Amino acid sequence: MKPAVVFPINDLSGVMFRHLERVLPDLKCLFATAYLCIPEDHRPALPEALARLGSDDFFEILFLEQDYDIGAKLRRLYEFAAHACPDRQNLHLCFVDRIAFALETEHRDGFLEDIRASENHAPLLFQRSEAAWDTHPSNYFKIENMVTEVGKLLFGRSLDFAWCHVVVEARDLRRILPAARDDGFAMIATIILMLRNEIRTQDVDWLAWEDPLILGRDAAKLKAEREQSLAESRKRLEYALAMLQLLYRAAG
């Protein structure tokens, strides 16, 4: 059966909805269904965009009645998708800005090929290749790679716990989610922790840095700004430290 794609949207500006509409033909070729979660307050702000999504049978939308933190938001979305799908259906857990970047750039063909080839390989973790990491601000890599290196020391595998794209069967996601209790973005590390012994990995270039495209900014200037931003480093340190605590507890 065709897989499903699962991602949150939180964008009152409507930018991500415009990107989503551009890549929708490709998504419909790759996936059977798209499971989305969208804050309830987007209804009055973006009535036309949401009306188009709501009238399209390709989308199953979970409207969130309150402003959950990212961890609780993702947990509710993943529960929504996992319980709606057959046991063996593959779910692509990802983020719409990453998908839009891959499909709207020179990475399109590689992305399409990798997604189609992943059919019989779940659980599968798509990881940022060296070339992909080179496009990111250096502070992003240094902080997130710290978690990867600690995981390698503890578990003997190099895994991106702050992942961008994971393929997992619905039955496995249902099994994992009760353990994903940590708030914040660190909760996504639980999925990799629970699958660490059997998950396959594939390094891909199409997980290059998406923000310059999405924000319409010059890549070099934006990269320099982020590298010099204490706020950006603190933001990543917050979830990296929480992930390190998860890894430490999991190692016993």
Protein backbone atom coordinates (compact mmCIF):
# COMPACT_ATOMS: atom_id res chain seq x y z
CA MET A 1 0.00 0.00 0.00
CA LYS A 2 1.10 3.58 -0.55
CA PRO A 3 2.55 5.29 2.51
CA ALA A 4 1.07 8.29 4.30
CA VAL A 5 2.85 11.55 5.08
CA VAL A 6 2.50 13.23 8.48
CA PHE A 7 3.49 16.79 9.36
CA PRO A 8 2.41 19.80 11.44
CA ILE A 9 1.64 23.25 10.09
CA ASN A 10 1.91 26.34 12.27
CA ASP A 11 2.01 29.37 9.99
CA LEU A 12 -0.41 32.26 10.31
CA SER A 13 1.40 34.07 7.47
CA GLY A 14 0.24 31.46 4.97
CA VAL A 15 3.72 30.96 3.52
CA MET A 16 3.79 27.22 4.14
CA PHE A 17 0.32 26.76 2.69
CA ARG A 18 1.54 28.32 -0.55
CA HIS A 19 4.53 25.98 -0.63
CA LEU A 20 2.28 23.03 0.17
CA GLU A 21 0.03 23.81 -2.78
CA ARG A 22 3.05 24.00 -5.10
CA VAL A 23 4.27 20.53 -4.19
CA LEU A 24 0.85 18.92 -3.80
CA PRO A 25 0.87 17.09 -7.17
CA ASP A 26 4.11 15.34 -6.20
CA LEU A 27 2.79 14.50 -2.73
CA LYS A 28 -0.30 12.89 -4.21
CA CYS A 29 1.86 10.73 -6.46
CA LEU A 30 3.98 9.56 -3.51
CA PHE A 31 1.47 9.22 -0.68
CA ALA A 32 -2.04 7.89 -0.11
CA THR A 33 -2.96 10.46 2.54
CA ALA A 34 -1.49 13.49 4.29
CA TYR A 35 -2.15 13.81 8.02
CA LEU A 36 -1.80 17.38 9.29
CA CYS A 37 -2.26 19.18 12.57
CA ILE A 38 -3.15 22.85 12.45
CA PRO A 39 -3.90 25.24 15.34
CA GLU A 40 -7.56 26.17 15.63
CA ASP A 41 -6.72 29.89 15.42
CA HIS A 42 -5.65 29.41 11.79
CA ARG A 43 -9.30 29.01 10.76
CA PRO A 44 -10.23 32.74 10.86
CA ALA A 45 -6.77 33.84 9.73
CA LEU A 46 -6.52 31.62 6.64
CA PRO A 47 -10.08 30.69 5.67
CA GLU A 48 -9.46 30.21 1.95
CA ALA A 49 -6.35 28.04 2.32
CA LEU A 50 -8.03 25.84 4.92
CA ALA A 51 -11.20 25.56 2.84
CA ARG A 52 -9.13 24.22 -0.05
CA LEU A 53 -7.41 21.69 2.19
CA GLY A 54 -10.68 20.68 3.83
CA SER A 55 -12.34 19.99 0.48
CA ASP A 56 -9.51 17.72 -0.68
CA ASP A 57 -9.88 14.06 0.32
CA PHE A 58 -6.10 13.70 0.32
CA PHE A 59 -5.89 15.56 3.63
CA GLU A 60 -6.89 14.41 7.09
CA ILE A 61 -6.66 17.41 9.41
CA LEU A 62 -6.43 17.49 13.18
CA PHE A 63 -7.33 20.95 14.48
CA LEU A 64 -5.69 21.71 17.80
CA GLU A 65 -7.98 23.62 20.14
CA GLN A 66 -5.15 25.13 22.19
CA ASP A 67 -1.55 26.23 21.78
CA TYR A 68 0.32 23.06 22.75
CA ASP A 69 4.09 23.05 22.88
CA ILE A 70 5.81 21.35 19.96
CA GLY A 71 6.25 18.04 21.79
CA ALA A 72 2.59 17.71 22.75
CA LYS A 73 1.54 18.92 19.30
CA LEU A 74 3.61 16.25 17.53
CA ARG A 75 2.48 13.55 19.93
CA ARG A 76 -1.18 14.30 19.24
CA LEU A 77 -0.56 14.39 15.48
CA TYR A 78 1.32 11.09 15.50
CA GLU A 79 -1.40 9.44 17.59
CA PHE A 80 -4.01 10.75 15.14
CA ALA A 81 -2.19 9.26 12.14
CA ALA A 82 -1.03 6.02 13.75
CA HIS A 83 -4.52 5.05 14.92
CA ALA A 84 -6.07 5.91 11.55
CA CYS A 85 -3.73 3.70 9.51
CA PRO A 86 -3.40 -0.09 9.03
CA ASP A 87 -0.65 -1.78 11.02
CA ARG A 88 1.81 -2.20 8.16
CA GLN A 89 1.29 1.14 6.43
CA ASN A 90 4.43 3.25 6.33
CA LEU A 91 4.15 6.74 7.83
CA HIS A 92 6.61 9.42 6.75
CA LEU A 93 7.01 11.69 9.77
CA CYS A 94 8.50 14.93 8.50
CA PHE A 95 8.10 18.70 8.21
CA VAL A 96 6.42 20.56 5.38
CA ASP A 97 9.22 23.11 4.93
CA ARG A 98 11.75 20.30 4.42
CA ILE A 99 9.49 18.59 1.86
CA ALA A 100 8.87 21.86 0.04
CA PHE A 101 12.59 22.56 -0.12
CA ALA A 102 13.36 19.11 -1.50
CA LEU A 103 10.65 19.29 -4.16
CA GLU A 104 11.20 22.91 -5.22
CA THR A 105 14.97 22.69 -5.71
CA GLU A 106 17.56 20.68 -7.60
CA HIS A 107 17.04 17.91 -5.02
CA ARG A 108 13.61 16.96 -6.39
CA ASP A 109 14.63 13.89 -8.39
CA GLY A 110 16.77 12.52 -5.57
CA PHE A 111 13.97 13.05 -3.05
CA LEU A 112 11.39 11.31 -5.25
CA GLU A 113 13.72 8.38 -5.85
CA ASP A 114 14.55 7.98 -2.15
CA ILE A 115 10.94 8.16 -1.00
CA ARG A 116 9.84 5.55 -3.55
CA ALA A 117 12.78 3.29 -2.66
CA SER A 118 11.93 3.43 1.07
CA GLU A 119 8.79 1.33 0.66
CA ASN A 120 10.19 -1.91 2.12
CA HIS A 121 12.78 -0.44 4.46
CA ALA A 122 10.89 0.84 7.51
CA PRO A 123 11.94 1.82 10.05
CA LEU A 124 14.21 4.19 8.16
CA LEU A 125 15.90 7.38 9.31
CA PHE A 126 16.87 9.84 6.60
CA GLN A 127 19.88 11.73 7.95
CA ARG A 128 21.57 14.90 6.79
CA SER A 129 24.61 14.09 4.68
CA GLU A 130 27.89 15.94 5.09
CA ALA A 131 26.94 18.08 2.08
CA ALA A 132 23.54 18.84 3.63
CA TRP A 133 25.09 19.81 6.97
CA ASP A 134 27.54 22.13 5.20
CA THR A 135 24.62 24.32 4.16
CA HIS A 136 23.41 24.74 7.77
CA PRO A 137 24.74 27.31 10.23
CA SER A 138 27.72 25.84 12.08
CA ASN A 139 26.09 26.26 15.50
CA TYR A 140 23.19 24.07 14.38
CA PHE A 141 25.59 21.26 13.50
CA LYS A 142 27.80 21.58 16.57
CA ILE A 143 24.86 21.43 18.98
CA GLU A 144 22.85 18.67 17.31
CA ASN A 145 25.94 16.62 16.50
CA MET A 146 26.77 16.65 20.21
CA VAL A 147 23.66 14.50 20.75
CA THR A 148 24.61 12.23 17.87
CA GLU A 149 28.11 11.71 19.29
CA VAL A 150 26.82 10.92 22.77
CA GLY A 151 24.36 8.46 21.26
CA LYS A 152 27.22 6.81 19.40
CA LEU A 153 29.17 6.44 22.64
CA LEU A 154 26.20 4.97 24.49
CA PHE A 155 24.61 2.80 21.81
CA GLY A 156 27.32 2.25 19.19
CA ARG A 157 25.37 3.88 16.36
CA SER A 158 25.52 7.30 14.71
CA LEU A 159 21.90 8.47 14.76
CA ASP A 160 20.36 11.89 14.21
CA PHE A 161 18.11 12.19 17.25
CA ALA A 162 17.01 15.69 16.13
CA TRP A 163 15.78 14.17 12.89
CA CYS A 164 13.92 15.74 10.00
CA HIS A 165 12.39 12.69 8.27
CA VAL A 166 11.62 9.21 9.62
CA VAL A 167 9.70 6.32 8.05
CA VAL A 168 7.94 4.03 10.52
CA GLU A 169 5.07 1.54 10.32
CA ALA A 170 1.84 2.60 12.00
CA ARG A 171 1.95 -0.34 14.41
CA ASP A 172 5.46 0.62 15.58
CA LEU A 173 4.50 4.24 16.06
CA ARG A 174 1.51 3.19 18.19
CA ARG A 175 3.85 1.08 20.30
CA ILE A 176 6.36 3.90 20.78
CA LEU A 177 4.10 6.85 21.55
CA PRO A 178 3.18 5.93 25.15
CA ALA A 179 6.88 6.30 26.01
CA ALA A 180 7.15 9.72 24.37
CA ARG A 181 6.26 11.76 27.44
CA ASP A 182 8.85 14.50 27.41
CA ASP A 183 7.60 17.95 26.52
CA GLY A 184 9.24 20.05 23.87
CA PHE A 185 11.01 19.14 20.68
CA ALA A 186 13.12 16.56 22.51
CA MET A 187 10.19 14.12 22.38
CA ILE A 188 11.10 13.20 18.80
CA ALA A 189 14.31 11.61 20.08
CA THR A 190 12.19 8.98 21.83
CA ILE A 191 11.15 7.55 18.47
CA ILE A 192 14.77 6.94 17.51
CA LEU A 193 15.64 5.63 20.96
CA MET A 194 12.86 3.05 20.79
CA LEU A 195 13.91 1.94 17.30
CA ARG A 196 17.66 2.27 17.72
CA ASN A 197 18.45 -1.43 17.35
CA GLU A 198 16.55 -2.02 14.12
CA ILE A 199 16.28 1.34 12.34
CA ARG A 200 18.18 1.76 9.08
CA THR A 201 19.81 5.04 8.15
CA GLN A 202 20.40 6.80 4.85
CA ASP A 203 22.37 10.04 4.45
CA VAL A 204 20.71 12.38 1.93
CA ASP A 205 21.61 15.71 0.36
CA TRP A 206 17.97 16.83 0.10
CA LEU A 207 17.94 17.61 3.82
CA ALA A 208 20.06 20.68 3.12
CA TRP A 209 19.06 23.86 4.97
CA GLU A 210 15.58 24.92 3.92
CA ASP A 211 15.19 28.34 5.61
CA PRO A 212 16.71 30.54 2.85
CA LEU A 213 14.20 29.20 0.33
CA ILE A 214 11.21 29.31 2.67
CA LEU A 215 12.01 32.81 3.95
CA GLY A 216 13.17 34.18 0.60
CA ARG A 217 16.54 35.20 2.03
CA ASP A 218 20.11 35.14 0.75
CA ALA A 219 21.58 31.90 2.08
CA ALA A 220 25.02 33.24 2.99
CA LYS A 221 23.66 36.29 4.82
CA LEU A 222 21.06 34.30 6.71
CA LYS A 223 23.61 31.65 7.66
CA ALA A 224 25.95 34.31 9.06
CA GLU A 225 23.12 35.87 11.06
CA ARG A 226 22.12 32.55 12.60
CA GLU A 227 25.72 31.64 13.45
CA GLN A 228 26.08 34.90 15.37
CA SER A 229 22.71 34.60 17.12
CA LEU A 230 22.82 33.64 20.79
CA ALA A 231 19.06 33.09 20.68
CA GLU A 232 19.42 30.51 17.91
CA SER A 233 22.11 28.65 19.84
CA ARG A 234 20.11 28.73 23.07
CA LYS A 235 17.01 27.43 21.25
CA ARG A 236 18.91 24.37 20.02
CA LEU A 237 20.75 23.83 23.27
CA GLU A 238 17.45 23.65 25.11
CA TYR A 239 16.22 20.61 23.20
CA ALA A 240 19.71 19.12 22.79
CA LEU A 241 20.20 19.05 26.57
CA ALA A 242 16.78 17.46 27.02
CA MET A 243 17.70 14.85 24.41
CA LEU A 244 20.95 14.10 26.22
CA GLN A 245 18.95 13.43 29.36
CA LEU A 246 16.75 10.99 27.43
CA LEU A 247 19.79 9.18 26.07
CA TYR A 248 21.39 9.01 29.53
CA ARG A 249 18.25 7.49 31.07
CA ALA A 250 17.83 5.04 28.20
CA ALA A 251 21.40 3.82 28.64
CA GLY A 252 20.57 2.82 32.22
